[in-house]
Protein backbone atom coordinates (compact mmCIF):
# COMPACT_ATOMS: atom_id res chain seq x y z
CA MET A 1 5.87 1.30 -15.70
CA PRO A 2 3.20 3.03 -17.83
CA GLU A 3 0.93 5.51 -16.16
CA ILE A 4 -2.52 6.87 -16.87
CA ASP A 5 -4.14 9.77 -15.09
CA ASN A 6 -7.67 11.03 -14.79
CA SER A 7 -7.49 12.95 -18.05
CA SER A 8 -7.62 9.77 -20.13
CA ASN A 9 -10.51 8.14 -22.01
CA PRO A 10 -14.14 9.14 -21.34
CA PRO A 11 -16.12 6.84 -19.03
CA VAL A 12 -17.92 3.95 -20.67
CA ALA A 13 -18.42 1.23 -18.05
CA SER A 14 -20.85 0.47 -15.29
CA VAL A 15 -19.22 -0.45 -12.02
CA THR A 16 -20.21 -2.09 -8.75
CA VAL A 17 -18.38 -1.36 -5.51
CA LEU A 18 -18.54 -4.03 -2.81
CA GLY A 19 -17.58 -2.71 0.61
CA LEU A 20 -18.45 0.79 1.79
CA GLY A 21 -15.96 1.64 4.48
CA LEU A 22 -14.30 5.03 4.19
CA MET A 23 -12.20 3.92 1.22
CA GLY A 24 -14.94 1.99 -0.54
CA THR A 25 -17.27 4.96 -0.22
CA ALA A 26 -14.61 7.26 -1.70
CA LEU A 27 -14.08 4.86 -4.62
CA ALA A 28 -17.80 4.64 -5.34
CA ASP A 29 -18.17 8.41 -5.19
CA ALA A 30 -15.27 8.84 -7.61
CA PHE A 31 -16.79 6.43 -10.13
CA ARG A 32 -20.17 8.13 -9.83
CA THR A 33 -18.65 11.59 -10.24
CA ALA A 34 -16.74 10.43 -13.32
CA GLY A 35 -20.01 9.42 -14.97
CA HIS A 36 -19.99 5.67 -14.47
CA ARG A 37 -23.27 4.03 -13.56
CA THR A 38 -22.36 2.99 -10.02
CA THR A 39 -24.00 0.24 -7.98
CA VAL A 40 -23.07 -0.19 -4.33
CA TRP A 41 -23.48 -2.88 -1.71
CA ASN A 42 -22.41 -3.29 1.89
CA ARG A 43 -23.27 -5.80 4.59
CA SER A 44 -24.56 -2.87 6.64
CA PRO A 45 -26.97 -1.44 4.06
CA GLU A 46 -27.33 1.95 5.74
CA LYS A 47 -23.75 2.77 4.69
CA ALA A 48 -25.02 3.09 1.13
CA ASP A 49 -27.55 5.80 2.01
CA PRO A 50 -25.35 8.87 1.33
CA LEU A 51 -24.19 7.43 -1.99
CA VAL A 52 -27.73 6.59 -3.06
CA GLU A 53 -28.77 10.15 -2.25
CA ARG A 54 -26.04 11.35 -4.61
CA GLY A 55 -27.15 9.09 -7.45
CA ALA A 56 -25.63 5.66 -6.88
CA HIS A 57 -27.78 2.54 -7.14
CA ARG A 58 -28.24 0.28 -4.15
CA ALA A 59 -28.17 -3.52 -4.57
CA ASP A 60 -30.04 -5.69 -2.09
CA ASP A 61 -27.34 -8.36 -1.99
CA ALA A 62 -23.93 -9.20 -3.41
CA VAL A 63 -25.39 -11.32 -6.21
CA ALA A 64 -27.56 -8.46 -7.44
CA ALA A 65 -24.64 -6.07 -7.08
CA VAL A 66 -22.31 -8.18 -9.21
CA SER A 67 -25.03 -8.77 -11.80
CA ALA A 68 -25.65 -5.05 -12.19
CA SER A 69 -22.33 -3.97 -13.71
CA ASP A 70 -19.59 -4.68 -16.23
CA ALA A 71 -16.90 -4.20 -13.58
CA VAL A 72 -16.84 -5.20 -9.92
CA VAL A 73 -14.52 -3.47 -7.47
CA VAL A 74 -13.98 -5.03 -4.05
CA CYS A 75 -12.57 -3.01 -1.17
CA VAL A 76 -13.02 -4.75 2.17
CA SER A 77 -10.92 -5.52 5.24
CA ASP A 78 -9.04 -8.57 3.96
CA TYR A 79 -8.95 -11.20 1.21
CA ALA A 80 -10.89 -13.76 3.24
CA THR A 81 -13.76 -11.28 3.51
CA ALA A 82 -13.49 -10.47 -0.19
CA ARG A 83 -13.79 -14.14 -1.13
CA ALA A 84 -16.70 -14.62 1.30
CA VAL A 85 -18.53 -11.67 -0.26
CA LEU A 86 -17.86 -12.84 -3.83
CA ALA A 87 -18.57 -16.55 -3.34
CA PRO A 88 -22.39 -16.35 -3.60
CA ALA A 89 -22.03 -14.27 -6.78
CA ALA A 90 -19.36 -16.42 -8.44
CA ALA A 91 -21.60 -17.46 -11.32
CA GLU A 92 -22.35 -13.80 -12.09
CA LEU A 93 -18.69 -12.91 -12.61
CA ARG A 94 -18.33 -14.60 -15.99
CA GLY A 95 -17.33 -12.10 -18.66
CA LYS A 96 -16.83 -9.29 -16.15
CA LEU A 97 -13.85 -7.41 -14.76
CA LEU A 98 -13.02 -8.07 -11.11
CA VAL A 99 -10.78 -5.49 -9.44
CA ASN A 100 -9.61 -6.26 -5.93
CA LEU A 101 -8.41 -3.19 -4.03
CA THR A 102 -8.25 -5.00 -0.70
CA ASN A 103 -4.94 -4.89 1.16
CA GLY A 104 -3.27 -8.30 1.26
CA THR A 105 -0.26 -10.36 0.24
CA PRO A 106 1.10 -11.38 -3.17
CA GLU A 107 0.12 -15.01 -2.55
CA GLN A 108 -3.45 -14.00 -1.70
CA ALA A 109 -3.65 -11.94 -4.88
CA ARG A 110 -2.40 -14.80 -7.04
CA ASP A 111 -4.84 -17.23 -5.43
CA THR A 112 -7.72 -14.82 -5.98
CA ALA A 113 -6.66 -14.26 -9.59
CA ALA A 114 -6.71 -18.03 -10.18
CA TRP A 115 -10.15 -18.26 -8.57
CA ALA A 116 -11.45 -15.39 -10.73
CA ALA A 117 -10.14 -17.10 -13.86
CA GLU A 118 -12.07 -20.23 -12.88
CA GLN A 119 -15.21 -18.09 -12.79
CA GLY A 120 -14.47 -16.69 -16.25
CA ALA A 121 -13.65 -13.18 -15.03
CA ASP A 122 -10.76 -10.88 -15.88
CA TYR A 123 -8.81 -9.97 -12.75
CA ILE A 124 -6.77 -6.96 -11.74
CA ASP A 125 -5.29 -6.54 -8.28
CA GLY A 126 -4.54 -3.13 -6.85
CA GLY A 127 -2.87 -1.34 -3.99
CA ILE A 128 -4.18 2.05 -2.94
CA MET A 129 -1.41 4.45 -1.93
CA ALA A 130 -3.74 7.18 -0.71
CA VAL A 131 -6.18 8.06 2.04
CA PRO A 132 -9.89 8.29 1.17
CA GLN A 133 -9.83 12.09 0.93
CA MET A 134 -7.23 11.89 -1.86
CA ILE A 135 -9.21 9.56 -4.13
CA ALA A 136 -9.99 11.00 -7.59
CA GLY A 137 -7.19 13.55 -7.26
CA PRO A 138 -3.82 13.42 -9.06
CA ASP A 139 -1.98 12.65 -5.82
CA ALA A 140 -3.93 9.43 -5.33
CA LEU A 141 -1.61 6.73 -6.65
CA ILE A 142 -3.07 3.27 -7.20
CA LEU A 143 -0.82 0.39 -8.18
CA TYR A 144 -2.28 -2.31 -10.42
CA SER A 145 -1.11 -5.69 -11.63
CA GLY A 146 -2.58 -8.30 -13.92
CA ALA A 147 -3.01 -8.67 -17.66
CA LYS A 148 -1.86 -5.48 -19.43
CA THR A 149 -4.50 -5.87 -22.12
CA VAL A 150 -7.20 -5.89 -19.43
CA PHE A 151 -5.67 -2.89 -17.69
CA ASP A 152 -5.52 -0.90 -20.94
CA ARG A 153 -9.07 -1.86 -21.91
CA HIS A 154 -10.43 -0.33 -18.71
CA ALA A 155 -8.12 2.67 -18.50
CA ASP A 156 -11.00 5.11 -18.07
CA LEU A 157 -12.31 3.19 -15.07
CA PHE A 158 -8.94 3.22 -13.30
CA ALA A 159 -8.32 6.86 -14.18
CA ALA A 160 -11.48 7.88 -12.30
CA LEU A 161 -9.71 7.06 -9.04
CA GLY A 162 -6.51 9.06 -9.58
CA THR A 163 -3.13 8.18 -11.07
CA ALA A 164 -2.90 4.52 -12.07
CA ARG A 165 0.36 2.62 -12.49
CA HIS A 166 0.51 -0.85 -14.00
CA LEU A 167 3.39 -2.86 -12.51
CA GLY A 168 3.23 -6.04 -14.55
CA GLU A 169 1.29 -9.14 -15.51
CA ASP A 170 1.80 -10.97 -12.21
CA PRO A 171 -1.24 -10.12 -10.03
CA GLY A 172 0.95 -10.38 -6.94
CA LEU A 173 3.04 -7.34 -7.87
CA ALA A 174 0.56 -4.68 -6.74
CA PRO A 175 0.25 -6.00 -3.17
CA LEU A 176 4.02 -6.61 -3.06
CA PHE A 177 4.83 -3.02 -3.99
CA ASP A 178 2.00 -1.76 -1.76
CA LEU A 179 3.48 -3.54 1.25
CA ALA A 180 7.00 -2.44 0.31
CA LEU A 181 5.91 1.20 0.28
CA LEU A 182 4.09 0.73 3.56
CA SER A 183 7.29 -0.77 4.98
CA GLY A 184 9.11 2.45 4.17
CA MET A 185 6.31 4.48 5.71
CA TYR A 186 6.18 2.48 8.93
CA GLY A 187 9.96 2.60 9.22
CA MET A 188 9.78 6.39 9.08
CA PHE A 189 6.98 6.47 11.64
CA THR A 190 8.95 4.13 13.92
CA GLY A 191 11.90 6.52 13.99
CA PHE A 192 9.59 9.48 14.52
CA TYR A 193 7.86 7.95 17.52
CA GLN A 194 11.13 6.89 19.13
CA ALA A 195 12.62 10.33 18.59
CA VAL A 196 9.60 12.16 20.02
CA ALA A 197 9.48 9.83 23.02
CA LEU A 198 13.16 10.48 23.73
CA VAL A 199 12.97 14.28 23.67
CA GLY A 200 9.60 14.13 25.40
CA SER A 201 11.28 12.45 28.35
CA GLU A 202 12.79 15.87 29.04
CA LYS A 203 9.50 17.70 28.42
CA ALA A 204 10.41 18.92 24.93
CA GLU A 205 7.36 19.67 22.79
CA ALA A 206 6.85 17.23 19.94
CA THR A 207 5.66 19.91 17.52
CA ASP A 208 8.65 22.21 17.89
CA PHE A 209 11.15 19.33 17.80
CA THR A 210 9.51 17.83 14.73
CA THR A 211 9.22 20.99 12.66
CA THR A 212 12.54 22.64 13.52
CA LEU A 213 14.86 19.65 13.84
CA LEU A 214 13.48 16.27 12.85
CA ILE A 215 11.91 17.07 9.48
CA PRO A 216 14.98 18.91 8.11
CA TRP A 217 17.21 16.05 9.31
CA VAL A 218 15.01 13.35 7.79
CA GLN A 219 14.73 15.27 4.53
CA ALA A 220 18.52 15.43 4.32
CA MET A 221 18.73 11.68 4.94
CA VAL A 222 16.11 10.96 2.27
CA GLY A 223 18.51 12.52 -0.22
CA LEU A 224 20.88 9.61 0.41
CA LEU A 225 18.40 6.95 -0.65
CA PRO A 226 19.21 7.01 -4.39
CA ALA A 227 22.89 6.39 -3.60
CA PHE A 228 21.94 3.55 -1.26
CA ALA A 229 19.71 2.07 -3.96
CA ALA A 230 22.58 2.24 -6.46
CA GLU A 231 24.82 0.38 -4.00
CA ILE A 232 22.19 -2.31 -3.58
CA ASP A 233 21.73 -2.73 -7.35
CA ALA A 234 25.50 -2.94 -7.83
CA GLY A 235 25.97 -5.39 -4.97
CA GLU A 236 28.44 -3.07 -3.23
CA VAL A 237 28.89 -3.79 0.48
CA GLN A 238 32.10 -1.96 1.47
CA THR A 239 32.04 1.66 2.57
CA ASP A 240 34.49 4.23 3.91
CA VAL A 241 31.75 6.39 5.42
CA ALA A 242 29.42 5.14 8.18
CA ASN A 243 29.88 1.39 8.30
CA LEU A 244 27.85 -1.18 10.20
CA ASP A 245 30.07 -1.03 13.27
CA VAL A 246 29.60 2.74 13.56
CA ASN A 247 25.86 2.37 13.18
CA ARG A 248 25.79 -0.56 15.61
CA LEU A 249 27.30 1.67 18.29
CA ALA A 250 24.80 4.43 17.50
CA LEU A 251 21.88 2.02 17.90
CA ALA A 252 23.34 0.71 21.15
CA ASN A 253 23.53 4.28 22.45
CA ILE A 254 19.92 4.92 21.42
CA LEU A 255 18.78 1.87 23.36
CA ASP A 256 20.93 2.74 26.40
CA ALA A 257 19.71 6.33 26.42
CA SER A 258 16.12 5.20 26.02
CA ARG A 259 16.41 2.94 29.04
CA GLY A 260 18.04 5.73 31.02
CA GLN A 261 15.22 8.11 30.12
CA GLY A 262 12.50 5.61 30.94
CA VAL A 263 11.59 5.12 27.28
CA ALA A 264 10.99 1.68 25.79
CA GLY A 265 13.36 0.69 23.01
CA ASP A 266 11.06 -1.88 21.41
CA LEU A 267 10.79 -0.02 18.11
CA MET A 268 14.55 0.17 17.56
CA ALA A 269 15.63 -3.13 19.11
CA PRO A 270 15.09 -5.27 15.97
CA LEU A 271 17.42 -3.07 13.92
CA ALA A 272 20.01 -3.09 16.70
CA ARG A 273 19.86 -6.88 16.82
CA LEU A 274 20.31 -7.12 13.04
CA LEU A 275 23.36 -4.86 13.21
CA ASP A 276 24.85 -6.88 16.05
CA GLU A 277 24.44 -10.08 14.06
CA ALA A 278 25.91 -8.57 10.88
CA VAL A 279 28.98 -7.25 12.69
CA ALA A 280 29.44 -10.56 14.52
CA ASP A 281 29.43 -12.28 11.12
CA GLY A 282 32.32 -10.15 9.89
CA GLY A 283 30.42 -7.26 8.33
CA ALA A 284 31.78 -4.43 10.50
CA SER A 285 33.20 -2.56 7.48
CA HIS A 286 30.11 -3.04 5.34
CA SER A 287 27.59 -0.33 4.51
CA LEU A 288 24.09 -0.06 5.93
CA SER A 289 22.84 -0.99 2.46
CA SER A 290 24.39 -4.43 2.92
CA LEU A 291 21.59 -5.24 5.35
CA VAL A 292 19.29 -5.74 2.36
CA GLY A 293 21.28 -8.79 1.34
CA ARG A 294 21.05 -10.09 4.88
CA LEU A 295 17.28 -9.64 4.91
CA SER A 296 16.98 -11.37 1.54
CA ARG A 297 19.02 -14.34 2.75
CA ALA A 298 16.42 -14.85 5.48
CA ARG A 299 14.27 -16.50 2.80
């Protein structure tokens, strides 16, 4: 997976940013700071005011915004909104680069890529793995997918936003990996909230518990992930360590204790149910990693 960072080629392109929420504003500011001629548009025009004061150009409508630049970057709430914004300007997209940094699904990205091709535009889809304050810094990782030749041609544009990683030619890969990473994040948050609610039921302070006990424990568990990944790649399901039956009992105890402490178990119940089903199907001696195969079979 080749990477570029913001030390690559000097800026050469003009760029339009459609959508000026917190992230869209950060993207536009990064392009402007990097030296790109930046045009901005938002349905609520007053959101462009701070950017215009700093040197960006305001477009009166989406058609004018798309017409103004070589590259068009869309960052709005969802793909339906992105298509609604772009539709009036479809004829203006011919010969341009369209970059969609809107969060969505692989299927939505592929559909939008096909639509962009019909308009005669190059298309790159992206997933932003950063908060707005991180944009333009080296810790801002943005995943891209689409034609590699197009990605390479506009390396300076992508580098203005942070570290760029091209995942492959399929435009659906960026949203797929984006959502996969978010899945890991939300799984971590789920465990955190359940843990804090449990100790909080006995008036323990969340801050002290988190910093002195939970973070060191989670960091130790994170160290196991490469071994789990190797098991998954190798198709190994047997284990002589903590098998599914052991973990099933642990989850059952978490749910029982939660009920006893007056804490809802909704966040953990789906995993407990999955473990119950796996053990009932004869997987008691299997590893936790074997659950990946079970999830994949759900397709």
